[in-house]
Amino acid sequence: MRLFIAITLPDDIKDILYNIQKEIGNEYVKVKWVARKNVHLTLKFLGDVDGSKVEIIKEALRNVNHKKFKLSLGNLGWYPSKDKVNVIWVGLGPEKEVFHLHSEVELNLGSLFEKDSRFGVHMTLGRVKFVKDKEKFLDLLKKIKIRREDFEVNSFSLIKSDLSKDGPKYFVMEKYELQ
């Protein structure tokens, strides 16, 4: 089964991100947008995991010991570069607490999975399929301002992802409360 560990977002934050997706639209670019209900902050992608390991993973994640913390929406970004935009994302800050939580998750999972070499604090809004007008598209991205909305992170979850022709379907397998 395909699994990942993530921070889920409050509905008001999802609404803000959905409105950004609408603001970008599809006039200058064709984008496969992440569904509003699926936007999250991935702490660790586990990939395809044998079902026999799920209980071991759950038990390891129960040992993560981290305090609740606040995050706020950051800037709109894209990668890999302005010459080739593949992914549109929104950053979060301050990043320090997310990196700390990510490190605790990695530590508790121990040798079950390889360590992430390129962990970044961002939420993917969409994956670019093709750009119709690169100059206008980049101008639009640069003009979008994101309201610095704060929210509290009080949990993270182990999530199962079932892929389908209609997009991924996410199922929370276990939720882990922060202190």
N, C-alpha and C. Protein backbone atom coordinates (compact mmCIF):
# COMPACT_ATOMS: atom_id res chain seq x y z
N MET A 1 0.84 -1.18 0.00
CA MET A 1 0.00 0.00 0.00
C MET A 1 0.88 1.24 0.00
N ARG A 2 0.39 2.30 -0.63
CA ARG A 2 1.16 3.55 -0.79
C ARG A 2 0.88 4.44 0.42
N LEU A 3 1.95 4.80 1.16
CA LEU A 3 1.78 5.55 2.40
C LEU A 3 2.66 6.80 2.44
N PHE A 4 2.17 7.80 3.19
CA PHE A 4 2.99 8.96 3.49
C PHE A 4 2.58 9.52 4.84
N ILE A 5 3.43 10.36 5.41
CA ILE A 5 3.19 10.99 6.70
C ILE A 5 3.04 12.48 6.43
N ALA A 6 1.98 13.08 6.97
CA ALA A 6 1.70 14.47 6.61
C ALA A 6 1.02 15.24 7.73
N ILE A 7 1.13 16.54 7.62
CA ILE A 7 0.35 17.47 8.43
C ILE A 7 -0.85 17.85 7.58
N THR A 8 -2.04 17.57 8.09
CA THR A 8 -3.24 18.00 7.39
C THR A 8 -3.55 19.44 7.80
N LEU A 9 -4.31 20.11 6.96
CA LEU A 9 -4.53 21.55 7.14
C LEU A 9 -5.96 21.86 7.54
N PRO A 10 -6.14 22.95 8.30
CA PRO A 10 -7.50 23.38 8.62
C PRO A 10 -8.23 23.84 7.35
N ASP A 11 -9.55 23.76 7.40
CA ASP A 11 -10.35 24.11 6.22
C ASP A 11 -10.13 25.54 5.74
N ASP A 12 -9.95 26.50 6.66
CA ASP A 12 -9.77 27.88 6.22
C ASP A 12 -8.46 28.05 5.44
N ILE A 13 -7.44 27.29 5.78
CA ILE A 13 -6.17 27.34 5.05
C ILE A 13 -6.36 26.68 3.68
N LYS A 14 -7.08 25.57 3.64
CA LYS A 14 -7.37 24.92 2.36
C LYS A 14 -8.14 25.86 1.44
N ASP A 15 -9.06 26.64 2.01
CA ASP A 15 -9.83 27.60 1.22
C ASP A 15 -8.92 28.66 0.59
N ILE A 16 -7.97 29.17 1.36
CA ILE A 16 -7.03 30.17 0.84
C ILE A 16 -6.23 29.58 -0.31
N LEU A 17 -5.74 28.36 -0.14
CA LEU A 17 -4.93 27.72 -1.17
C LEU A 17 -5.76 27.42 -2.42
N TYR A 18 -7.01 27.01 -2.22
CA TYR A 18 -7.91 26.77 -3.35
C TYR A 18 -8.15 28.06 -4.14
N ASN A 19 -8.30 29.17 -3.43
CA ASN A 19 -8.50 30.46 -4.11
C ASN A 19 -7.26 30.88 -4.89
N ILE A 20 -6.09 30.53 -4.41
CA ILE A 20 -4.86 30.81 -5.16
C ILE A 20 -4.85 29.98 -6.45
N GLN A 21 -5.25 28.72 -6.35
CA GLN A 21 -5.33 27.88 -7.55
C GLN A 21 -6.27 28.51 -8.58
N LYS A 22 -7.43 29.00 -8.11
CA LYS A 22 -8.39 29.64 -9.02
C LYS A 22 -7.81 30.91 -9.63
N GLU A 23 -7.05 31.67 -8.81
CA GLU A 23 -6.45 32.92 -9.29
C GLU A 23 -5.42 32.63 -10.40
N ILE A 24 -4.66 31.57 -10.26
CA ILE A 24 -3.69 31.19 -11.30
C ILE A 24 -4.44 30.70 -12.53
N GLY A 25 -5.44 29.87 -12.31
CA GLY A 25 -6.30 29.40 -13.39
C GLY A 25 -5.56 28.58 -14.44
N ASN A 26 -6.14 28.54 -15.63
CA ASN A 26 -5.57 27.76 -16.74
C ASN A 26 -5.46 28.58 -18.02
N GLU A 27 -5.47 29.92 -17.88
CA GLU A 27 -5.40 30.76 -19.08
C GLU A 27 -4.04 30.65 -19.76
N TYR A 28 -2.95 30.67 -18.96
CA TYR A 28 -1.60 30.67 -19.53
C TYR A 28 -0.88 29.34 -19.36
N VAL A 29 -1.54 28.41 -18.69
CA VAL A 29 -0.88 27.15 -18.35
C VAL A 29 -1.93 26.07 -18.14
N LYS A 30 -1.54 24.83 -18.39
CA LYS A 30 -2.40 23.68 -18.09
C LYS A 30 -1.80 23.01 -16.86
N VAL A 31 -2.61 22.97 -15.79
CA VAL A 31 -2.13 22.45 -14.51
C VAL A 31 -3.06 21.36 -14.00
N LYS A 32 -2.47 20.32 -13.44
CA LYS A 32 -3.24 19.30 -12.72
C LYS A 32 -3.21 19.74 -11.25
N TRP A 33 -4.30 20.39 -10.83
CA TRP A 33 -4.37 20.95 -9.48
C TRP A 33 -4.60 19.86 -8.44
N VAL A 34 -3.97 20.02 -7.29
CA VAL A 34 -4.24 19.14 -6.16
C VAL A 34 -5.64 19.49 -5.64
N ALA A 35 -6.47 18.50 -5.45
CA ALA A 35 -7.83 18.75 -4.96
C ALA A 35 -7.77 19.45 -3.60
N ARG A 36 -8.70 20.38 -3.37
CA ARG A 36 -8.75 21.15 -2.13
C ARG A 36 -8.64 20.24 -0.91
N LYS A 37 -9.40 19.15 -0.91
CA LYS A 37 -9.43 18.25 0.25
C LYS A 37 -8.11 17.50 0.45
N ASN A 38 -7.25 17.45 -0.57
CA ASN A 38 -6.01 16.68 -0.50
C ASN A 38 -4.76 17.51 -0.22
N VAL A 39 -4.86 18.82 -0.18
CA VAL A 39 -3.68 19.65 0.06
C VAL A 39 -3.18 19.39 1.48
N HIS A 40 -1.87 19.15 1.61
CA HIS A 40 -1.27 18.80 2.89
C HIS A 40 0.21 19.15 2.85
N LEU A 41 0.86 19.04 3.98
CA LEU A 41 2.31 19.21 4.07
C LEU A 41 2.92 17.84 4.32
N THR A 42 3.60 17.27 3.34
CA THR A 42 4.21 15.96 3.49
C THR A 42 5.43 16.05 4.39
N LEU A 43 5.45 15.25 5.42
CA LEU A 43 6.63 15.13 6.29
C LEU A 43 7.58 14.05 5.77
N LYS A 44 6.99 12.97 5.25
CA LYS A 44 7.82 11.89 4.69
C LYS A 44 6.95 11.02 3.79
N PHE A 45 7.43 10.80 2.58
CA PHE A 45 6.77 9.88 1.66
C PHE A 45 7.40 8.51 1.85
N LEU A 46 6.57 7.52 2.18
CA LEU A 46 7.08 6.17 2.43
C LEU A 46 7.04 5.30 1.18
N GLY A 47 6.15 5.62 0.25
CA GLY A 47 6.03 4.83 -0.97
C GLY A 47 5.21 3.57 -0.75
N ASP A 48 5.47 2.58 -1.58
CA ASP A 48 4.74 1.30 -1.47
C ASP A 48 5.32 0.50 -0.32
N VAL A 49 4.45 0.20 0.64
CA VAL A 49 4.88 -0.47 1.87
C VAL A 49 4.12 -1.79 1.99
N ASP A 50 4.83 -2.82 2.35
CA ASP A 50 4.21 -4.13 2.61
C ASP A 50 3.27 -3.98 3.81
N GLY A 51 2.07 -4.53 3.70
CA GLY A 51 1.07 -4.43 4.76
C GLY A 51 1.55 -4.95 6.11
N SER A 52 2.51 -5.87 6.09
CA SER A 52 3.01 -6.43 7.35
C SER A 52 3.83 -5.41 8.14
N LYS A 53 4.25 -4.31 7.51
CA LYS A 53 5.06 -3.29 8.19
C LYS A 53 4.22 -2.17 8.79
N VAL A 54 2.94 -2.12 8.48
CA VAL A 54 2.10 -1.00 8.91
C VAL A 54 2.06 -0.85 10.42
N GLU A 55 1.88 -1.93 11.15
CA GLU A 55 1.82 -1.83 12.61
C GLU A 55 3.14 -1.36 13.20
N ILE A 56 4.25 -1.78 12.60
CA ILE A 56 5.57 -1.35 13.06
C ILE A 56 5.72 0.16 12.84
N ILE A 57 5.25 0.64 11.70
CA ILE A 57 5.31 2.08 11.39
C ILE A 57 4.45 2.86 12.37
N LYS A 58 3.22 2.38 12.60
CA LYS A 58 2.32 3.07 13.54
C LYS A 58 2.95 3.16 14.92
N GLU A 59 3.52 2.07 15.38
CA GLU A 59 4.13 2.06 16.71
C GLU A 59 5.32 3.02 16.77
N ALA A 60 6.11 3.06 15.73
CA ALA A 60 7.26 3.98 15.69
C ALA A 60 6.78 5.43 15.74
N LEU A 61 5.72 5.74 15.02
CA LEU A 61 5.21 7.12 14.98
C LEU A 61 4.55 7.52 16.30
N ARG A 62 4.04 6.56 17.04
CA ARG A 62 3.46 6.86 18.36
C ARG A 62 4.52 7.38 19.33
N ASN A 63 5.78 7.10 19.04
CA ASN A 63 6.88 7.53 19.90
C ASN A 63 7.42 8.92 19.56
N VAL A 64 6.88 9.55 18.52
CA VAL A 64 7.32 10.91 18.19
C VAL A 64 6.83 11.82 19.30
N ASN A 65 7.74 12.60 19.85
CA ASN A 65 7.44 13.46 20.99
C ASN A 65 7.73 14.91 20.59
N HIS A 66 6.69 15.64 20.22
CA HIS A 66 6.87 17.01 19.75
C HIS A 66 5.74 17.88 20.26
N LYS A 67 6.07 19.13 20.51
CA LYS A 67 5.06 20.09 20.97
C LYS A 67 4.26 20.65 19.79
N LYS A 68 3.05 21.10 20.08
CA LYS A 68 2.25 21.84 19.09
C LYS A 68 3.04 23.09 18.70
N PHE A 69 2.77 23.57 17.49
CA PHE A 69 3.43 24.79 17.04
C PHE A 69 2.56 25.51 16.02
N LYS A 70 2.90 26.75 15.77
CA LYS A 70 2.16 27.56 14.80
C LYS A 70 2.96 27.69 13.51
N LEU A 71 2.23 27.69 12.42
CA LEU A 71 2.81 27.95 11.10
C LEU A 71 2.01 29.06 10.45
N SER A 72 2.61 29.69 9.47
CA SER A 72 1.86 30.65 8.65
C SER A 72 2.21 30.42 7.19
N LEU A 73 1.25 30.76 6.35
CA LEU A 73 1.46 30.62 4.92
C LEU A 73 2.59 31.54 4.49
N GLY A 74 3.41 31.05 3.58
CA GLY A 74 4.54 31.81 3.06
C GLY A 74 4.29 32.25 1.63
N ASN A 75 5.35 32.27 0.87
CA ASN A 75 5.28 32.75 -0.51
C ASN A 75 4.90 31.65 -1.48
N LEU A 76 4.42 32.09 -2.63
CA LEU A 76 4.17 31.19 -3.74
C LEU A 76 5.51 30.90 -4.41
N GLY A 77 5.72 29.66 -4.78
CA GLY A 77 6.96 29.30 -5.45
C GLY A 77 6.73 28.25 -6.51
N TRP A 78 7.79 27.91 -7.22
CA TRP A 78 7.71 26.90 -8.25
C TRP A 78 9.10 26.30 -8.42
N TYR A 79 9.14 25.12 -8.94
CA TYR A 79 10.42 24.51 -9.26
C TYR A 79 10.27 23.64 -10.49
N PRO A 80 11.36 23.29 -11.17
CA PRO A 80 12.72 23.51 -10.74
C PRO A 80 13.26 24.93 -11.01
N SER A 81 12.75 25.64 -12.01
CA SER A 81 13.28 26.98 -12.32
C SER A 81 12.24 27.77 -13.10
N LYS A 82 12.53 29.07 -13.31
CA LYS A 82 11.59 29.88 -14.09
C LYS A 82 11.59 29.47 -15.56
N ASP A 83 12.65 28.80 -16.01
CA ASP A 83 12.70 28.33 -17.39
C ASP A 83 11.85 27.08 -17.60
N LYS A 84 11.66 26.33 -16.54
CA LYS A 84 10.84 25.11 -16.64
C LYS A 84 10.08 24.94 -15.32
N VAL A 85 8.83 25.35 -15.33
CA VAL A 85 8.00 25.24 -14.13
C VAL A 85 7.27 23.90 -14.19
N ASN A 86 7.58 23.02 -13.23
CA ASN A 86 6.92 21.71 -13.15
C ASN A 86 5.89 21.65 -12.02
N VAL A 87 6.20 22.34 -10.91
CA VAL A 87 5.35 22.28 -9.73
C VAL A 87 5.15 23.70 -9.18
N ILE A 88 3.91 24.01 -8.81
CA ILE A 88 3.58 25.27 -8.14
C ILE A 88 3.29 24.93 -6.68
N TRP A 89 3.89 25.69 -5.75
CA TRP A 89 3.76 25.37 -4.34
C TRP A 89 3.66 26.63 -3.49
N VAL A 90 3.28 26.42 -2.22
CA VAL A 90 3.25 27.51 -1.24
C VAL A 90 4.11 27.07 -0.07
N GLY A 91 4.98 27.97 0.35
CA GLY A 91 5.85 27.69 1.49
C GLY A 91 5.15 27.96 2.81
N LEU A 92 5.80 27.55 3.89
CA LEU A 92 5.29 27.76 5.24
C LEU A 92 6.44 28.23 6.12
N GLY A 93 6.09 28.95 7.15
CA GLY A 93 7.13 29.39 8.06
C GLY A 93 6.57 29.51 9.47
N PRO A 94 7.39 29.54 10.47
CA PRO A 94 8.83 29.30 10.36
C PRO A 94 9.12 27.83 10.11
N GLU A 95 10.12 27.57 9.30
CA GLU A 95 10.43 26.20 8.88
C GLU A 95 11.06 25.35 9.99
N LYS A 96 11.67 26.00 10.96
CA LYS A 96 12.45 25.29 12.00
C LYS A 96 11.64 24.18 12.68
N GLU A 97 10.40 24.49 13.09
CA GLU A 97 9.58 23.49 13.79
C GLU A 97 9.22 22.32 12.89
N VAL A 98 8.96 22.60 11.62
CA VAL A 98 8.63 21.52 10.69
C VAL A 98 9.84 20.62 10.49
N PHE A 99 11.02 21.24 10.32
CA PHE A 99 12.24 20.44 10.18
C PHE A 99 12.48 19.59 11.43
N HIS A 100 12.19 20.16 12.59
CA HIS A 100 12.38 19.41 13.84
C HIS A 100 11.43 18.21 13.89
N LEU A 101 10.15 18.43 13.56
CA LEU A 101 9.18 17.34 13.54
C LEU A 101 9.59 16.28 12.51
N HIS A 102 10.00 16.72 11.34
CA HIS A 102 10.47 15.80 10.30
C HIS A 102 11.63 14.95 10.81
N SER A 103 12.57 15.58 11.51
CA SER A 103 13.72 14.86 12.06
C SER A 103 13.29 13.82 13.09
N GLU A 104 12.30 14.16 13.92
CA GLU A 104 11.80 13.20 14.91
C GLU A 104 11.12 12.01 14.23
N VAL A 105 10.37 12.29 13.17
CA VAL A 105 9.73 11.21 12.40
C VAL A 105 10.81 10.30 11.84
N GLU A 106 11.83 10.90 11.21
CA GLU A 106 12.94 10.12 10.63
C GLU A 106 13.63 9.26 11.70
N LEU A 107 13.90 9.88 12.84
CA LEU A 107 14.59 9.19 13.94
C LEU A 107 13.77 7.99 14.43
N ASN A 108 12.47 8.19 14.60
CA ASN A 108 11.62 7.11 15.12
C ASN A 108 11.40 6.00 14.10
N LEU A 109 11.44 6.32 12.83
CA LEU A 109 11.31 5.28 11.81
C LEU A 109 12.61 4.50 11.66
N GLY A 110 13.70 5.06 12.20
CA GLY A 110 14.98 4.36 12.22
C GLY A 110 15.41 3.85 10.86
N SER A 111 15.71 2.57 10.81
CA SER A 111 16.24 1.98 9.57
C SER A 111 15.14 1.41 8.67
N LEU A 112 13.87 1.66 9.02
CA LEU A 112 12.78 1.13 8.19
C LEU A 112 12.76 1.75 6.79
N PHE A 113 13.18 3.04 6.70
CA PHE A 113 13.16 3.75 5.42
C PHE A 113 14.42 4.59 5.30
N GLU A 114 14.81 4.85 4.07
CA GLU A 114 15.96 5.74 3.83
C GLU A 114 15.62 7.14 4.31
N LYS A 115 16.63 7.85 4.76
CA LYS A 115 16.44 9.24 5.19
C LYS A 115 16.20 10.11 3.95
N ASP A 116 15.34 11.13 4.12
CA ASP A 116 15.10 12.08 3.03
C ASP A 116 16.32 12.97 2.84
N SER A 117 16.80 13.03 1.63
CA SER A 117 17.95 13.90 1.38
C SER A 117 17.52 15.29 0.92
N ARG A 118 16.25 15.42 0.48
CA ARG A 118 15.81 16.71 -0.05
C ARG A 118 14.46 17.12 0.52
N PHE A 119 14.31 17.11 1.81
CA PHE A 119 13.05 17.52 2.42
C PHE A 119 12.89 19.03 2.33
N GLY A 120 11.72 19.48 1.91
CA GLY A 120 11.43 20.90 1.82
C GLY A 120 10.07 21.21 2.43
N VAL A 121 9.96 22.37 3.05
CA VAL A 121 8.71 22.76 3.72
C VAL A 121 7.84 23.51 2.71
N HIS A 122 6.95 22.78 2.06
CA HIS A 122 6.04 23.38 1.10
C HIS A 122 4.82 22.48 0.89
N MET A 123 3.78 23.10 0.34
CA MET A 123 2.57 22.36 -0.02
C MET A 123 2.38 22.49 -1.53
N THR A 124 2.31 21.39 -2.21
CA THR A 124 2.12 21.40 -3.66
C THR A 124 0.68 21.79 -3.97
N LEU A 125 0.54 22.81 -4.85
CA LEU A 125 -0.78 23.22 -5.32
C LEU A 125 -1.14 22.55 -6.63
N GLY A 126 -0.14 22.34 -7.49
CA GLY A 126 -0.43 21.73 -8.78
C GLY A 126 0.83 21.35 -9.54
N ARG A 127 0.64 20.45 -10.49
CA ARG A 127 1.73 20.02 -11.36
C ARG A 127 1.45 20.51 -12.77
N VAL A 128 2.41 21.24 -13.32
CA VAL A 128 2.25 21.87 -14.62
C VAL A 128 2.39 20.82 -15.71
N LYS A 129 1.39 20.78 -16.60
CA LYS A 129 1.43 19.86 -17.74
C LYS A 129 2.10 20.52 -18.94
N PHE A 130 1.67 21.75 -19.26
CA PHE A 130 2.37 22.53 -20.29
C PHE A 130 2.01 24.01 -20.11
N VAL A 131 2.91 24.86 -20.58
CA VAL A 131 2.75 26.31 -20.46
C VAL A 131 2.36 26.86 -21.82
N LYS A 132 1.27 27.63 -21.86
CA LYS A 132 0.79 28.24 -23.10
C LYS A 132 1.53 29.54 -23.39
N ASP A 133 1.75 30.36 -22.34
CA ASP A 133 2.43 31.65 -22.49
C ASP A 133 3.32 31.85 -21.26
N LYS A 134 4.61 31.50 -21.40
CA LYS A 134 5.52 31.49 -20.25
C LYS A 134 5.67 32.87 -19.62
N GLU A 135 5.81 33.90 -20.42
CA GLU A 135 6.02 35.25 -19.89
C GLU A 135 4.82 35.72 -19.07
N LYS A 136 3.62 35.56 -19.60
CA LYS A 136 2.42 35.98 -18.88
C LYS A 136 2.19 35.12 -17.64
N PHE A 137 2.48 33.83 -17.76
CA PHE A 137 2.33 32.92 -16.64
C PHE A 137 3.25 33.31 -15.48
N LEU A 138 4.53 33.55 -15.77
CA LEU A 138 5.47 33.94 -14.73
C LEU A 138 5.11 35.29 -14.12
N ASP A 139 4.65 36.23 -14.94
CA ASP A 139 4.20 37.53 -14.43
C ASP A 139 3.04 37.35 -13.45
N LEU A 140 2.11 36.49 -13.81
CA LEU A 140 0.96 36.21 -12.94
C LEU A 140 1.43 35.63 -11.61
N LEU A 141 2.32 34.64 -11.66
CA LEU A 141 2.81 34.02 -10.42
C LEU A 141 3.50 35.04 -9.53
N LYS A 142 4.28 35.95 -10.11
CA LYS A 142 5.01 36.95 -9.34
C LYS A 142 4.08 37.96 -8.68
N LYS A 143 2.91 38.19 -9.28
CA LYS A 143 1.96 39.19 -8.76
C LYS A 143 1.09 38.67 -7.62
N ILE A 144 0.97 37.37 -7.49
CA ILE A 144 0.07 36.80 -6.49
C ILE A 144 0.67 36.98 -5.10
N LYS A 145 -0.09 37.61 -4.24
CA LYS A 145 0.31 37.82 -2.85
C LYS A 145 -0.54 36.92 -1.96
N ILE A 146 0.10 36.26 -1.02
CA ILE A 146 -0.59 35.33 -0.13
C ILE A 146 -0.71 35.97 1.25
N ARG A 147 -1.93 35.97 1.75
CA ARG A 147 -2.19 36.49 3.09
C ARG A 147 -1.47 35.60 4.11
N ARG A 148 -0.75 36.19 5.02
CA ARG A 148 0.03 35.47 6.04
C ARG A 148 -0.88 34.94 7.14
N GLU A 149 -1.63 33.94 6.81
CA GLU A 149 -2.59 33.36 7.75
C GLU A 149 -1.88 32.34 8.64
N ASP A 150 -2.07 32.47 9.97
CA ASP A 150 -1.48 31.53 10.93
C ASP A 150 -2.44 30.39 11.22
N PHE A 151 -1.87 29.24 11.55
CA PHE A 151 -2.68 28.11 12.02
C PHE A 151 -1.82 27.26 12.94
N GLU A 152 -2.50 26.51 13.81
CA GLU A 152 -1.79 25.67 14.76
C GLU A 152 -1.66 24.25 14.22
N VAL A 153 -0.48 23.70 14.38
CA VAL A 153 -0.24 22.30 14.03
C VAL A 153 -0.28 21.53 15.34
N ASN A 154 -1.32 20.71 15.49
CA ASN A 154 -1.46 19.96 16.74
C ASN A 154 -1.45 18.44 16.52
N SER A 155 -1.21 18.04 15.25
CA SER A 155 -1.14 16.61 14.96
C SER A 155 -0.47 16.38 13.61
N PHE A 156 -0.14 15.12 13.36
CA PHE A 156 0.26 14.67 12.03
C PHE A 156 -0.36 13.31 11.83
N SER A 157 -0.36 12.81 10.61
CA SER A 157 -1.07 11.56 10.31
C SER A 157 -0.28 10.64 9.39
N LEU A 158 -0.54 9.35 9.54
CA LEU A 158 -0.10 8.34 8.58
C LEU A 158 -1.26 8.19 7.60
N ILE A 159 -0.98 8.40 6.33
CA ILE A 159 -2.05 8.44 5.32
C ILE A 159 -1.78 7.42 4.23
N LYS A 160 -2.83 6.71 3.87
CA LYS A 160 -2.80 5.77 2.75
C LYS A 160 -3.32 6.50 1.52
N SER A 161 -2.65 6.32 0.40
CA SER A 161 -3.04 6.96 -0.86
C SER A 161 -3.39 5.90 -1.88
N ASP A 162 -4.65 5.89 -2.30
CA ASP A 162 -5.08 4.99 -3.37
C ASP A 162 -5.18 5.80 -4.65
N LEU A 163 -4.41 5.39 -5.66
CA LEU A 163 -4.44 6.11 -6.93
C LEU A 163 -5.59 5.59 -7.79
N SER A 164 -6.26 6.55 -8.46
CA SER A 164 -7.35 6.18 -9.36
C SER A 164 -7.34 7.15 -10.55
N LYS A 165 -8.16 6.85 -11.55
CA LYS A 165 -8.21 7.73 -12.72
C LYS A 165 -8.75 9.11 -12.36
N ASP A 166 -9.49 9.21 -11.26
CA ASP A 166 -10.03 10.49 -10.81
C ASP A 166 -9.09 11.22 -9.85
N GLY A 167 -7.88 10.71 -9.68
CA GLY A 167 -6.93 11.32 -8.76
C GLY A 167 -6.81 10.49 -7.51
N PRO A 168 -5.85 10.84 -6.64
CA PRO A 168 -5.63 10.04 -5.44
C PRO A 168 -6.75 10.21 -4.42
N LYS A 169 -7.00 9.14 -3.69
CA LYS A 169 -7.94 9.17 -2.57
C LYS A 169 -7.13 8.90 -1.32
N TYR A 170 -7.27 9.78 -0.32
CA TYR A 170 -6.47 9.67 0.89
C TYR A 170 -7.32 9.15 2.04
N PHE A 171 -6.71 8.27 2.85
CA PHE A 171 -7.36 7.69 4.02
C PHE A 171 -6.40 7.80 5.20
N VAL A 172 -6.83 8.47 6.26
CA VAL A 172 -6.00 8.60 7.45
C VAL A 172 -6.03 7.24 8.16
N MET A 173 -4.84 6.64 8.28
CA MET A 173 -4.74 5.34 8.95
C MET A 173 -4.57 5.51 10.46
N GLU A 174 -3.86 6.56 10.85
CA GLU A 174 -3.71 6.87 12.27
C GLU A 174 -3.28 8.33 12.40
N LYS A 175 -3.83 8.98 13.41
CA LYS A 175 -3.51 10.38 13.69
C LYS A 175 -2.70 10.45 14.99
N TYR A 176 -1.69 11.31 15.02
CA TYR A 176 -0.78 11.41 16.16
C TYR A 176 -0.84 12.83 16.71
N GLU A 177 -1.33 12.95 17.93
CA GLU A 177 -1.48 14.27 18.56
C GLU A 177 -0.14 14.77 19.07
N LEU A 178 0.11 16.05 18.88
CA LEU A 178 1.30 16.68 19.44
C LEU A 178 0.95 17.20 20.82
N GLN A 179 1.95 17.43 21.66
CA GLN A 179 1.69 17.83 23.05
C GLN A 179 1.52 19.32 23.20
